[in-house]
Structures are given as C-alpha cells and as structure tokens.
Amino acid sequence: KLLVMSLVTFGLYEIFWFYKNWQLFKAKTGSDISPFWRTVFR
C-alpha cells in the first residue's frame, strides 16, 4: 500500500505517512519532538 500510494500520489503519501508516524510517536511517548519538522527533514 505504501508503494502504490506513493506512486499514485507522486510521493505525497510518503510525506503523510512520515508525519502520521511521528505524530503518533509523540502522542504515545510524550516526547517533545516536532512531527512537522521531523517530516520536513525526513
């Protein structure tokens, strides 16, 4: 799914995937990371 969605969306889905993972990681661990900046500098 990651491969297909990445191809169909020209890589935009990968950016979404990175952001969602960092967002969930932050919520679950309580760390003070920035999902936005971790995605920008993925």
PDB file of all heavy atoms in Angstrom:
ATOM      1  N   LYS A   1       0.833  -1.208   0.000  1.00  0.00           N
ATOM      2  CA  LYS A   1       0.000   0.000   0.000  1.00  0.00           C
ATOM      3  C   LYS A   1       0.867   1.256   0.000  1.00  0.00           C
ATOM      4  O   LYS A   1       0.579   2.212  -0.722  1.00  0.00           O
ATOM      5  CB  LYS A   1      -0.932   0.018   1.206  1.00  0.00           C
ATOM      6  CG  LYS A   1      -1.805   1.263   1.252  1.00  0.00           C
ATOM      7  CD  LYS A   1      -2.738   1.276   2.440  1.00  0.00           C
ATOM      8  CE  LYS A   1      -3.546   2.549   2.468  1.00  0.00           C
ATOM      9  NZ  LYS A   1      -4.462   2.587   3.612  1.00  0.00           N
ATOM     10  N   LEU A   2       1.932   1.254   0.794  1.00  0.00           N
ATOM     11  CA  LEU A   2       2.825   2.405   0.838  1.00  0.00           C
ATOM     12  C   LEU A   2       3.441   2.648  -0.540  1.00  0.00           C
ATOM     13  O   LEU A   2       3.493   3.791  -1.002  1.00  0.00           O
ATOM     14  CB  LEU A   2       3.920   2.199   1.887  1.00  0.00           C
ATOM     15  CG  LEU A   2       4.885   3.350   2.129  1.00  0.00           C
ATOM     16  CD1 LEU A   2       4.145   4.592   2.615  1.00  0.00           C
ATOM     17  CD2 LEU A   2       5.948   2.950   3.140  1.00  0.00           C
ATOM     18  N   LEU A   3       3.852   1.589  -1.206  1.00  0.00           N
ATOM     19  CA  LEU A   3       4.436   1.716  -2.537  1.00  0.00           C
ATOM     20  C   LEU A   3       3.425   2.239  -3.551  1.00  0.00           C
ATOM     21  O   LEU A   3       3.692   3.206  -4.271  1.00  0.00           O
ATOM     22  CB  LEU A   3       5.000   0.370  -3.007  1.00  0.00           C
ATOM     23  CG  LEU A   3       5.545   0.343  -4.427  1.00  0.00           C
ATOM     24  CD1 LEU A   3       6.786   1.215  -4.523  1.00  0.00           C
ATOM     25  CD2 LEU A   3       5.841  -1.076  -4.849  1.00  0.00           C
ATOM     26  N   VAL A   4       2.244   1.625  -3.584  1.00  0.00           N
ATOM     27  CA  VAL A   4       1.217   2.030  -4.547  1.00  0.00           C
ATOM     28  C   VAL A   4       0.768   3.464  -4.296  1.00  0.00           C
ATOM     29  O   VAL A   4       0.696   4.274  -5.222  1.00  0.00           O
ATOM     30  CB  VAL A   4       0.014   1.058  -4.517  1.00  0.00           C
ATOM     31  CG1 VAL A   4      -1.157   1.602  -5.320  1.00  0.00           C
ATOM     32  CG2 VAL A   4       0.424  -0.311  -5.034  1.00  0.00           C
ATOM     33  N   MET A   5       0.472   3.782  -3.047  1.00  0.00           N
ATOM     34  CA  MET A   5       0.008   5.132  -2.730  1.00  0.00           C
ATOM     35  C   MET A   5       1.091   6.178  -3.013  1.00  0.00           C
ATOM     36  O   MET A   5       0.787   7.281  -3.463  1.00  0.00           O
ATOM     37  CB  MET A   5      -0.443   5.211  -1.273  1.00  0.00           C
ATOM     38  CG  MET A   5      -1.695   4.431  -0.969  1.00  0.00           C
ATOM     39  SD  MET A   5      -3.136   5.047  -1.864  1.00  0.00           S
ATOM     40  CE  MET A   5      -3.384   6.589  -1.018  1.00  0.00           C
ATOM     41  N   SER A   6       2.330   5.826  -2.759  1.00  0.00           N
ATOM     42  CA  SER A   6       3.427   6.757  -3.049  1.00  0.00           C
ATOM     43  C   SER A   6       3.531   7.023  -4.543  1.00  0.00           C
ATOM     44  O   SER A   6       3.732   8.163  -4.971  1.00  0.00           O
ATOM     45  CB  SER A   6       4.750   6.191  -2.532  1.00  0.00           C
ATOM     46  OG  SER A   6       4.727   6.131  -1.138  1.00  0.00           O
ATOM     47  N   LEU A   7       3.401   5.973  -5.344  1.00  0.00           N
ATOM     48  CA  LEU A   7       3.458   6.140  -6.791  1.00  0.00           C
ATOM     49  C   LEU A   7       2.274   6.939  -7.322  1.00  0.00           C
ATOM     50  O   LEU A   7       2.438   7.846  -8.138  1.00  0.00           O
ATOM     51  CB  LEU A   7       3.518   4.774  -7.477  1.00  0.00           C
ATOM     52  CG  LEU A   7       4.808   3.990  -7.280  1.00  0.00           C
ATOM     53  CD1 LEU A   7       4.669   2.585  -7.852  1.00  0.00           C
ATOM     54  CD2 LEU A   7       5.992   4.710  -7.899  1.00  0.00           C
ATOM     55  N   VAL A   8       1.082   6.610  -6.847  1.00  0.00           N
ATOM     56  CA  VAL A   8      -0.140   7.275  -7.329  1.00  0.00           C
ATOM     57  C   VAL A   8      -0.167   8.749  -6.938  1.00  0.00           C
ATOM     58  O   VAL A   8      -0.637   9.591  -7.704  1.00  0.00           O
ATOM     59  CB  VAL A   8      -1.392   6.532  -6.804  1.00  0.00           C
ATOM     60  CG1 VAL A   8      -2.661   7.313  -7.072  1.00  0.00           C
ATOM     61  CG2 VAL A   8      -1.481   5.142  -7.432  1.00  0.00           C
ATOM     62  N   THR A   9       0.341   9.068  -5.760  1.00  0.00           N
ATOM     63  CA  THR A   9       0.305  10.458  -5.280  1.00  0.00           C
ATOM     64  C   THR A   9       1.616  11.196  -5.521  1.00  0.00           C
ATOM     65  O   THR A   9       1.817  12.293  -4.984  1.00  0.00           O
ATOM     66  CB  THR A   9      -0.034  10.515  -3.780  1.00  0.00           C
ATOM     67  OG1 THR A   9       1.016   9.881  -3.044  1.00  0.00           O
ATOM     68  CG2 THR A   9      -1.372   9.871  -3.477  1.00  0.00           C
ATOM     69  N   PHE A  10       2.507  10.581  -6.303  1.00  0.00           N
ATOM     70  CA  PHE A  10       3.799  11.190  -6.623  1.00  0.00           C
ATOM     71  C   PHE A  10       4.609  11.531  -5.371  1.00  0.00           C
ATOM     72  O   PHE A  10       5.242  12.573  -5.292  1.00  0.00           O
ATOM     73  CB  PHE A  10       3.621  12.427  -7.511  1.00  0.00           C
ATOM     74  CG  PHE A  10       2.918  12.127  -8.799  1.00  0.00           C
ATOM     75  CD1 PHE A  10       1.584  12.463  -8.963  1.00  0.00           C
ATOM     76  CD2 PHE A  10       3.576  11.479  -9.831  1.00  0.00           C
ATOM     77  CE1 PHE A  10       0.916  12.182 -10.138  1.00  0.00           C
ATOM     78  CE2 PHE A  10       2.912  11.191 -11.016  1.00  0.00           C
ATOM     79  CZ  PHE A  10       1.582  11.526 -11.179  1.00  0.00           C
ATOM     80  N   GLY A  11       4.564  10.649  -4.374  1.00  0.00           N
ATOM     81  CA  GLY A  11       5.357  10.813  -3.164  1.00  0.00           C
ATOM     82  C   GLY A  11       4.687  11.562  -2.027  1.00  0.00           C
ATOM     83  O   GLY A  11       5.224  11.614  -0.925  1.00  0.00           O
ATOM     84  N   LEU A  12       3.516  12.133  -2.265  1.00  0.00           N
ATOM     85  CA  LEU A  12       2.841  12.886  -1.196  1.00  0.00           C
ATOM     86  C   LEU A  12       2.382  11.973  -0.058  1.00  0.00           C
ATOM     87  O   LEU A  12       2.367  12.390   1.105  1.00  0.00           O
ATOM     88  CB  LEU A  12       1.660  13.675  -1.753  1.00  0.00           C
ATOM     89  CG  LEU A  12       2.026  14.820  -2.691  1.00  0.00           C
ATOM     90  CD1 LEU A  12       0.769  15.473  -3.243  1.00  0.00           C
ATOM     91  CD2 LEU A  12       2.883  15.841  -1.977  1.00  0.00           C
ATOM     92  N   TYR A  13       2.003  10.741  -0.405  1.00  0.00           N
ATOM     93  CA  TYR A  13       1.568   9.819   0.639  1.00  0.00           C
ATOM     94  C   TYR A  13       2.709   9.493   1.589  1.00  0.00           C
ATOM     95  O   TYR A  13       2.487   9.334   2.788  1.00  0.00           O
ATOM     96  CB  TYR A  13       0.997   8.526   0.051  1.00  0.00           C
ATOM     97  CG  TYR A  13       0.357   7.647   1.083  1.00  0.00           C
ATOM     98  CD1 TYR A  13      -0.910   7.953   1.576  1.00  0.00           C
ATOM     99  CD2 TYR A  13       1.007   6.537   1.599  1.00  0.00           C
ATOM    100  CE1 TYR A  13      -1.507   7.167   2.540  1.00  0.00           C
ATOM    101  CE2 TYR A  13       0.417   5.740   2.563  1.00  0.00           C
ATOM    102  CZ  TYR A  13      -0.841   6.061   3.032  1.00  0.00           C
ATOM    103  OH  TYR A  13      -1.423   5.288   3.996  1.00  0.00           O
ATOM    104  N   GLU A  14       3.933   9.412   1.092  1.00  0.00           N
ATOM    105  CA  GLU A  14       5.086   9.162   1.960  1.00  0.00           C
ATOM    106  C   GLU A  14       5.233  10.277   2.993  1.00  0.00           C
ATOM    107  O   GLU A  14       5.525  10.010   4.157  1.00  0.00           O
ATOM    108  CB  GLU A  14       6.370   9.092   1.144  1.00  0.00           C
ATOM    109  CG  GLU A  14       6.535   7.832   0.374  1.00  0.00           C
ATOM    110  CD  GLU A  14       7.809   7.850  -0.440  1.00  0.00           C
ATOM    111  OE1 GLU A  14       8.851   8.316   0.085  1.00  0.00           O
ATOM    112  OE2 GLU A  14       7.749   7.405  -1.585  1.00  0.00           O
ATOM    113  N   ILE A  15       5.038  11.493   2.562  1.00  0.00           N
ATOM    114  CA  ILE A  15       5.124  12.637   3.480  1.00  0.00           C
ATOM    115  C   ILE A  15       4.051  12.515   4.555  1.00  0.00           C
ATOM    116  O   ILE A  15       4.317  12.697   5.743  1.00  0.00           O
ATOM    117  CB  ILE A  15       5.007  13.961   2.699  1.00  0.00           C
ATOM    118  CG1 ILE A  15       6.204  14.110   1.762  1.00  0.00           C
ATOM    119  CG2 ILE A  15       4.901  15.148   3.644  1.00  0.00           C
ATOM    120  CD1 ILE A  15       6.081  15.229   0.757  1.00  0.00           C
ATOM    121  N   PHE A  16       2.831  12.174   4.132  1.00  0.00           N
ATOM    122  CA  PHE A  16       1.732  11.965   5.079  1.00  0.00           C
ATOM    123  C   PHE A  16       2.074  10.834   6.047  1.00  0.00           C
ATOM    124  O   PHE A  16       1.866  10.957   7.253  1.00  0.00           O
ATOM    125  CB  PHE A  16       0.438  11.645   4.317  1.00  0.00           C
ATOM    126  CG  PHE A  16      -0.685  11.190   5.192  1.00  0.00           C
ATOM    127  CD1 PHE A  16      -1.383  12.097   5.964  1.00  0.00           C
ATOM    128  CD2 PHE A  16      -1.053   9.855   5.227  1.00  0.00           C
ATOM    129  CE1 PHE A  16      -2.431  11.679   6.775  1.00  0.00           C
ATOM    130  CE2 PHE A  16      -2.088   9.431   6.027  1.00  0.00           C
ATOM    131  CZ  PHE A  16      -2.771  10.339   6.806  1.00  0.00           C
ATOM    132  N   TRP A  17       2.639   9.741   5.532  1.00  0.00           N
ATOM    133  CA  TRP A  17       2.995   8.580   6.353  1.00  0.00           C
ATOM    134  C   TRP A  17       4.036   8.953   7.415  1.00  0.00           C
ATOM    135  O   TRP A  17       3.899   8.584   8.578  1.00  0.00           O
ATOM    136  CB  TRP A  17       3.507   7.458   5.450  1.00  0.00           C
ATOM    137  CG  TRP A  17       3.852   6.201   6.162  1.00  0.00           C
ATOM    138  CD1 TRP A  17       2.987   5.216   6.553  1.00  0.00           C
ATOM    139  CD2 TRP A  17       5.157   5.776   6.578  1.00  0.00           C
ATOM    140  NE1 TRP A  17       3.678   4.211   7.177  1.00  0.00           N
ATOM    141  CE2 TRP A  17       5.012   4.522   7.207  1.00  0.00           C
ATOM    142  CE3 TRP A  17       6.420   6.330   6.470  1.00  0.00           C
ATOM    143  CZ2 TRP A  17       6.088   3.824   7.734  1.00  0.00           C
ATOM    144  CZ3 TRP A  17       7.500   5.635   6.995  1.00  0.00           C
ATOM    145  CH2 TRP A  17       7.322   4.396   7.613  1.00  0.00           C
ATOM    146  N   PHE A  18       5.054   9.686   6.997  1.00  0.00           N
ATOM    147  CA  PHE A  18       6.065  10.144   7.955  1.00  0.00           C
ATOM    148  C   PHE A  18       5.432  11.000   9.046  1.00  0.00           C
ATOM    149  O   PHE A  18       5.687  10.807  10.235  1.00  0.00           O
ATOM    150  CB  PHE A  18       7.150  10.969   7.254  1.00  0.00           C
ATOM    151  CG  PHE A  18       8.317  10.172   6.787  1.00  0.00           C
ATOM    152  CD1 PHE A  18       8.343   9.665   5.506  1.00  0.00           C
ATOM    153  CD2 PHE A  18       9.391   9.926   7.614  1.00  0.00           C
ATOM    154  CE1 PHE A  18       9.421   8.934   5.056  1.00  0.00           C
ATOM    155  CE2 PHE A  18      10.482   9.198   7.187  1.00  0.00           C
ATOM    156  CZ  PHE A  18      10.490   8.697   5.903  1.00  0.00           C
ATOM    157  N   TYR A  19       4.629  11.961   8.631  1.00  0.00           N
ATOM    158  CA  TYR A  19       4.013  12.865   9.605  1.00  0.00           C
ATOM    159  C   TYR A  19       3.145  12.091  10.594  1.00  0.00           C
ATOM    160  O   TYR A  19       3.236  12.303  11.806  1.00  0.00           O
ATOM    161  CB  TYR A  19       3.191  13.945   8.906  1.00  0.00           C
ATOM    162  CG  TYR A  19       2.557  14.897   9.887  1.00  0.00           C
ATOM    163  CD1 TYR A  19       3.306  15.904  10.465  1.00  0.00           C
ATOM    164  CD2 TYR A  19       1.229  14.750  10.269  1.00  0.00           C
ATOM    165  CE1 TYR A  19       2.751  16.766  11.396  1.00  0.00           C
ATOM    166  CE2 TYR A  19       0.660  15.602  11.195  1.00  0.00           C
ATOM    167  CZ  TYR A  19       1.418  16.610  11.758  1.00  0.00           C
ATOM    168  OH  TYR A  19       0.855  17.447  12.687  1.00  0.00           O
ATOM    169  N   LYS A  20       2.293  11.197  10.109  1.00  0.00           N
ATOM    170  CA  LYS A  20       1.405  10.435  10.992  1.00  0.00           C
ATOM    171  C   LYS A  20       2.205   9.585  11.974  1.00  0.00           C
ATOM    172  O   LYS A  20       1.835   9.475  13.144  1.00  0.00           O
ATOM    173  CB  LYS A  20       0.455   9.548  10.187  1.00  0.00           C
ATOM    174  CG  LYS A  20      -0.645  10.291   9.483  1.00  0.00           C
ATOM    175  CD  LYS A  20      -1.518  11.066  10.442  1.00  0.00           C
ATOM    176  CE  LYS A  20      -2.387  10.164  11.277  1.00  0.00           C
ATOM    177  NZ  LYS A  20      -3.270  10.889  12.201  1.00  0.00           N
ATOM    178  N   ASN A  21       3.287   8.980  11.511  1.00  0.00           N
ATOM    179  CA  ASN A  21       4.097   8.162  12.405  1.00  0.00           C
ATOM    180  C   ASN A  21       4.727   8.994  13.511  1.00  0.00           C
ATOM    181  O   ASN A  21       4.708   8.603  14.677  1.00  0.00           O
ATOM    182  CB  ASN A  21       5.174   7.405  11.619  1.00  0.00           C
ATOM    183  CG  ASN A  21       4.639   6.125  11.065  1.00  0.00           C
ATOM    184  OD1 ASN A  21       4.211   5.247  11.799  1.00  0.00           O
ATOM    185  ND2 ASN A  21       4.640   6.012   9.751  1.00  0.00           N
ATOM    186  N   TRP A  22       5.289  10.141  13.152  1.00  0.00           N
ATOM    187  CA  TRP A  22       5.896  10.991  14.188  1.00  0.00           C
ATOM    188  C   TRP A  22       4.842  11.565  15.123  1.00  0.00           C
ATOM    189  O   TRP A  22       5.076  11.713  16.321  1.00  0.00           O
ATOM    190  CB  TRP A  22       6.730  12.103  13.561  1.00  0.00           C
ATOM    191  CG  TRP A  22       8.048  11.619  13.061  1.00  0.00           C
ATOM    192  CD1 TRP A  22       8.527  11.696  11.792  1.00  0.00           C
ATOM    193  CD2 TRP A  22       9.079  10.978  13.828  1.00  0.00           C
ATOM    194  NE1 TRP A  22       9.775  11.146  11.716  1.00  0.00           N
ATOM    195  CE2 TRP A  22      10.139  10.693  12.952  1.00  0.00           C
ATOM    196  CE3 TRP A  22       9.210  10.609  15.155  1.00  0.00           C
ATOM    197  CZ2 TRP A  22      11.310  10.058  13.372  1.00  0.00           C
ATOM    198  CZ3 TRP A  22      10.380   9.984  15.569  1.00  0.00           C
ATOM    199  CH2 TRP A  22      11.403   9.717  14.680  1.00  0.00           C
ATOM    200  N   GLN A  23       3.675  11.865  14.588  1.00  0.00           N
ATOM    201  CA  GLN A  23       2.585  12.394  15.416  1.00  0.00           C
ATOM    202  C   GLN A  23       2.138  11.341  16.444  1.00  0.00           C
ATOM    203  O   GLN A  23       1.975  11.654  17.630  1.00  0.00           O
ATOM    204  CB  GLN A  23       1.416  12.789  14.508  1.00  0.00           C
ATOM    205  CG  GLN A  23       0.291  13.480  15.199  1.00  0.00           C
ATOM    206  CD  GLN A  23      -0.831  13.815  14.232  1.00  0.00           C
ATOM    207  OE1 GLN A  23      -1.198  12.979  13.404  1.00  0.00           O
ATOM    208  NE2 GLN A  23      -1.333  15.021  14.311  1.00  0.00           N
ATOM    209  N   LEU A  24       1.954  10.111  16.005  1.00  0.00           N
ATOM    210  CA  LEU A  24       1.564   9.039  16.925  1.00  0.00           C
ATOM    211  C   LEU A  24       2.669   8.734  17.925  1.00  0.00           C
ATOM    212  O   LEU A  24       2.401   8.490  19.099  1.00  0.00           O
ATOM    213  CB  LEU A  24       1.181   7.780  16.141  1.00  0.00           C
ATOM    214  CG  LEU A  24      -0.131   7.858  15.378  1.00  0.00           C
ATOM    215  CD1 LEU A  24      -0.276   6.666  14.435  1.00  0.00           C
ATOM    216  CD2 LEU A  24      -1.308   7.936  16.334  1.00  0.00           C
ATOM    217  N   PHE A  25       3.906   8.747  17.462  1.00  0.00           N
ATOM    218  CA  PHE A  25       5.043   8.503  18.354  1.00  0.00           C
ATOM    219  C   PHE A  25       5.082   9.558  19.451  1.00  0.00           C
ATOM    220  O   PHE A  25       5.262   9.235  20.627  1.00  0.00           O
ATOM    221  CB  PHE A  25       6.349   8.514  17.545  1.00  0.00           C
ATOM    222  CG  PHE A  25       7.572   8.303  18.386  1.00  0.00           C
ATOM    223  CD1 PHE A  25       7.935   7.034  18.792  1.00  0.00           C
ATOM    224  CD2 PHE A  25       8.351   9.382  18.773  1.00  0.00           C
ATOM    225  CE1 PHE A  25       9.069   6.832  19.563  1.00  0.00           C
ATOM    226  CE2 PHE A  25       9.478   9.198  19.543  1.00  0.00           C
ATOM    227  CZ  PHE A  25       9.844   7.915  19.944  1.00  0.00           C
ATOM    228  N   LYS A  26       4.907  10.807  19.075  1.00  0.00           N
ATOM    229  CA  LYS A  26       4.915  11.898  20.057  1.00  0.00           C
ATOM    230  C   LYS A  26       3.791  11.732  21.070  1.00  0.00           C
ATOM    231  O   LYS A  26       3.998  11.876  22.273  1.00  0.00           O
ATOM    232  CB  LYS A  26       4.784  13.246  19.347  1.00  0.00           C
ATOM    233  CG  LYS A  26       4.752  14.414  20.305  1.00  0.00           C
ATOM    234  CD  LYS A  26       4.626  15.734  19.597  1.00  0.00           C
ATOM    235  CE  LYS A  26       4.607  16.859  20.616  1.00  0.00           C
ATOM    236  NZ  LYS A  26       4.685  18.167  19.990  1.00  0.00           N
ATOM    237  N   ALA A  27       2.588  11.421  20.591  1.00  0.00           N
ATOM    238  CA  ALA A  27       1.443  11.256  21.484  1.00  0.00           C
ATOM    239  C   ALA A  27       1.637  10.082  22.436  1.00  0.00           C
ATOM    240  O   ALA A  27       1.273  10.156  23.609  1.00  0.00           O
ATOM    241  CB  ALA A  27       0.172  11.054  20.666  1.00  0.00           C
ATOM    242  N   LYS A  28       2.206   9.005  21.954  1.00  0.00           N
ATOM    243  CA  LYS A  28       2.359   7.803  22.768  1.00  0.00           C
ATOM    244  C   LYS A  28       3.506   7.916  23.762  1.00  0.00           C
ATOM    245  O   LYS A  28       3.403   7.428  24.881  1.00  0.00           O
ATOM    246  CB  LYS A  28       2.582   6.613  21.837  1.00  0.00           C
ATOM    247  CG  LYS A  28       2.193   5.300  22.400  1.00  0.00           C
ATOM    248  CD  LYS A  28       0.711   5.207  22.601  1.00  0.00           C
ATOM    249  CE  LYS A  28       0.322   3.769  22.829  1.00  0.00           C
ATOM    250  NZ  LYS A  28      -1.008   3.595  23.305  1.00  0.00           N
ATOM    251  N   THR A  29       4.599   8.576  23.375  1.00  0.00           N
ATOM    252  CA  THR A  29       5.768   8.651  24.262  1.00  0.00           C
ATOM    253  C   THR A  29       5.807   9.922  25.095  1.00  0.00           C
ATOM    254  O   THR A  29       6.537   9.985  26.071  1.00  0.00           O
ATOM    255  CB  THR A  29       7.072   8.569  23.453  1.00  0.00           C
ATOM    256  OG1 THR A  29       7.145   9.698  22.572  1.00  0.00           O
ATOM    257  CG2 THR A  29       7.164   7.262  22.676  1.00  0.00           C
ATOM    258  N   GLY A  30       5.064  10.936  24.679  1.00  0.00           N
ATOM    259  CA  GLY A  30       5.091  12.197  25.397  1.00  0.00           C
ATOM    260  C   GLY A  30       6.352  13.006  25.140  1.00  0.00           C
ATOM    261  O   GLY A  30       6.639  13.956  25.867  1.00  0.00           O
ATOM    262  N   SER A  31       7.097  12.653  24.114  1.00  0.00           N
ATOM    263  CA  SER A  31       8.333  13.387  23.814  1.00  0.00           C
ATOM    264  C   SER A  31       7.998  14.769  23.251  1.00  0.00           C
ATOM    265  O   SER A  31       6.870  15.031  22.839  1.00  0.00           O
ATOM    266  CB  SER A  31       9.207  12.603  22.836  1.00  0.00           C
ATOM    267  OG  SER A  31       8.595  12.558  21.579  1.00  0.00           O
ATOM    268  N   ASP A  32       8.984  15.631  23.227  1.00  0.00           N
ATOM    269  CA  ASP A  32       8.743  16.999  22.771  1.00  0.00           C
ATOM    270  C   ASP A  32       9.207  17.226  21.329  1.00  0.00           C
ATOM    271  O   ASP A  32       9.548  18.342  20.950  1.00  0.00           O
ATOM    272  CB  ASP A  32       9.397  18.003  23.716  1.00  0.00           C
ATOM    273  CG  ASP A  32      10.906  17.864  23.760  1.00  0.00           C
ATOM    274  OD1 ASP A  32      11.431  16.872  23.213  1.00  0.00           O
ATOM    275  OD2 ASP A  32      11.560  18.735  24.340  1.00  0.00           O
ATOM    276  N   ILE A  33       9.209  16.174  20.520  1.00  0.00           N
ATOM    277  CA  ILE A  33       9.612  16.304  19.116  1.00  0.00           C
ATOM    278  C   ILE A  33       8.559  17.068  18.329  1.00  0.00           C
ATOM    279  O   ILE A  33       7.411  17.178  18.756  1.00  0.00           O
ATOM    280  CB  ILE A  33       9.843  14.925  18.466  1.00  0.00           C
ATOM    281  CG1 ILE A  33       8.529  14.142  18.412  1.00  0.00           C
ATOM    282  CG2 ILE A  33      10.942  14.154  19.166  1.00  0.00           C
ATOM    283  CD1 ILE A  33       8.554  12.945  17.516  1.00  0.00           C
ATOM    284  N   SER A  34       8.939  17.578  17.190  1.00  0.00           N
ATOM    285  CA  SER A  34       8.004  18.244  16.292  1.00  0.00           C
ATOM    286  C   SER A  34       7.778  17.352  15.078  1.00  0.00           C
ATOM    287  O   SER A  34       8.676  17.208  14.244  1.00  0.00           O
ATOM    288  CB  SER A  34       8.567  19.590  15.835  1.00  0.00           C
ATOM    289  OG  SER A  34       7.765  20.114  14.800  1.00  0.00           O
ATOM    290  N   PRO A  35       6.589  16.733  14.968  1.00  0.00           N
ATOM    291  CA  PRO A  35       6.310  15.888  13.808  1.00  0.00           C
ATOM    292  C   PRO A  35       6.473  16.640  12.480  1.00  0.00           C
ATOM    293  O   PRO A  35       6.943  16.071  11.498  1.00  0.00           O
ATOM    294  CB  PRO A  35       4.863  15.448  14.012  1.00  0.00           C
ATOM    295  CG  PRO A  35       4.658  15.529  15.484  1.00  0.00           C
ATOM    296  CD  PRO A  35       5.482  16.700  15.927  1.00  0.00           C
ATOM    297  N   PHE A  36       6.113  17.910  12.471  1.00  0.00           N
ATOM    298  CA  PHE A  36       6.236  18.701  11.247  1.00  0.00           C
ATOM    299  C   PHE A  36       7.687  18.789  10.795  1.00  0.00           C
ATOM    300  O   PHE A  36       8.018  18.503   9.645  1.00  0.00           O
ATOM    301  CB  PHE A  36       5.657  20.107  11.457  1.00  0.00           C
ATOM    302  CG  PHE A  36       5.878  21.011  10.275  1.00  0.00           C
ATOM    303  CD1 PHE A  36       5.074  20.912   9.154  1.00  0.00           C
ATOM    304  CD2 PHE A  36       6.909  21.946  10.280  1.00  0.00           C
ATOM    305  CE1 PHE A  36       5.282  21.731   8.047  1.00  0.00           C
ATOM    306  CE2 PHE A  36       7.127  22.775   9.190  1.00  0.00           C
ATOM    307  CZ  PHE A  36       6.312  22.666   8.071  1.00  0.00           C
ATOM    308  N   TRP A  37       8.582  19.179  11.703  1.00  0.00           N
ATOM    309  CA  TRP A  37       9.984  19.345  11.330  1.00  0.00           C
ATOM    310  C   TRP A  37      10.667  18.009  11.073  1.00  0.00           C
ATOM    311  O   TRP A  37      11.557  17.911  10.224  1.00  0.00           O
ATOM    312  CB  TRP A  37      10.743  20.165  12.371  1.00  0.00           C
ATOM    313  CG  TRP A  37      10.306  21.588  12.343  1.00  0.00           C
ATOM    314  CD1 TRP A  37       9.655  22.263  13.335  1.00  0.00           C
ATOM    315  CD2 TRP A  37      10.442  22.510  11.253  1.00  0.00           C
ATOM    316  NE1 TRP A  37       9.379  23.540  12.934  1.00  0.00           N
ATOM    317  CE2 TRP A  37       9.850  23.731  11.653  1.00  0.00           C
ATOM    318  CE3 TRP A  37      10.986  22.431   9.982  1.00  0.00           C
ATOM    319  CZ2 TRP A  37       9.804  24.846  10.830  1.00  0.00           C
ATOM    320  CZ3 TRP A  37      10.939  23.546   9.158  1.00  0.00           C
ATOM    321  CH2 TRP A  37      10.361  24.728   9.582  1.00  0.00           C
ATOM    322  N   ARG A  38      10.241  16.965  11.771  1.00  0.00           N
ATOM    323  CA  ARG A  38      10.796  15.634  11.500  1.00  0.00           C
ATOM    324  C   ARG A  38      10.367  15.160  10.111  1.00  0.00           C
ATOM    325  O   ARG A  38      11.098  14.416   9.471  1.00  0.00           O
ATOM    326  CB  ARG A  38      10.337  14.643  12.556  1.00  0.00           C
ATOM    327  CG  ARG A  38      10.874  14.953  13.926  1.00  0.00           C
ATOM    328  CD  ARG A  38      11.889  13.961  14.328  1.00  0.00           C
ATOM    329  NE  ARG A  38      12.532  14.395  15.558  1.00  0.00           N
ATOM    330  CZ  ARG A  38      13.125  13.568  16.371  1.00  0.00           C
ATOM    331  NH1 ARG A  38      13.160  12.296  16.104  1.00  0.00           N
ATOM    332  NH2 ARG A  38      13.719  14.032  17.442  1.00  0.00           N
ATOM    333  N   THR A  39       9.199  15.600   9.666  1.00  0.00           N
ATOM    334  CA  THR A  39       8.739  15.248   8.326  1.00  0.00           C
ATOM    335  C   THR A  39       9.454  16.084   7.280  1.00  0.00           C
ATOM    336  O   THR A  39       9.879  15.563   6.246  1.00  0.00           O
ATOM    337  CB  THR A  39       7.216  15.440   8.214  1.00  0.00           C
ATOM    338  OG1 THR A  39       6.575  14.615   9.196  1.00  0.00           O
ATOM    339  CG2 THR A  39       6.712  15.063   6.840  1.00  0.00           C
ATOM    340  N   VAL A  40       9.606  17.359   7.530  1.00  0.00           N
ATOM    341  CA  VAL A  40      10.307  18.229   6.585  1.00  0.00           C
ATOM    342  C   VAL A  40      11.734  17.728   6.363  1.00  0.00           C
ATOM    343  O   VAL A  40      12.215  17.672   5.229  1.00  0.00           O
ATOM    344  CB  VAL A  40      10.318  19.694   7.083  1.00  0.00           C
ATOM    345  CG1 VAL A  40      11.262  20.549   6.259  1.00  0.00           C
ATOM    346  CG2 VAL A  40       8.905  20.269   7.050  1.00  0.00           C
ATOM    347  N   PHE A  41      12.400  17.347   7.430  1.00  0.00           N
ATOM    348  CA  PHE A  41      13.783  16.866   7.341  1.00  0.00           C
ATOM    349  C   PHE A  41      13.835  15.341   7.445  1.00  0.00           C
ATOM    350  O   PHE A  41      14.725  14.778   8.069  1.00  0.00           O
ATOM    351  CB  PHE A  41      14.635  17.521   8.428  1.00  0.00           C
ATOM    352  CG  PHE A  41      14.740  19.009   8.268  1.00  0.00           C
ATOM    353  CD1 PHE A  41      14.082  19.864   9.147  1.00  0.00           C
ATOM    354  CD2 PHE A  41      15.480  19.551   7.232  1.00  0.00           C
ATOM    355  CE1 PHE A  41      14.168  21.237   8.998  1.00  0.00           C
ATOM    356  CE2 PHE A  41      15.576  20.924   7.071  1.00  0.00           C
ATOM    357  CZ  PHE A  41      14.909  21.769   7.949  1.00  0.00           C
ATOM    358  N   ARG A  42      12.890  14.677   6.796  1.00  0.00           N
ATOM    359  CA  ARG A  42      12.756  13.225   6.904  1.00  0.00           C
ATOM    360  C   ARG A  42      14.002  12.472   6.456  1.00  0.00           C
ATOM    361  O   ARG A  42      14.268  11.393   6.956  1.00  0.00           O
ATOM    362  CB  ARG A  42      11.514  12.733   6.192  1.00  0.00           C
ATOM    363  CG  ARG A  42      11.479  12.958   4.727  1.00  0.00           C
ATOM    364  CD  ARG A  42      10.075  12.680   4.168  1.00  0.00           C
ATOM    365  NE  ARG A  42       9.975  13.148   2.804  1.00  0.00           N
ATOM    366  CZ  ARG A  42       9.742  14.403   2.449  1.00  0.00           C
ATOM    367  NH1 ARG A  42       9.562  15.320   3.382  1.00  0.00           N
ATOM    368  NH2 ARG A  42       9.665  14.750   1.186  1.00  0.00           N
TER     369      ARG A  42
END
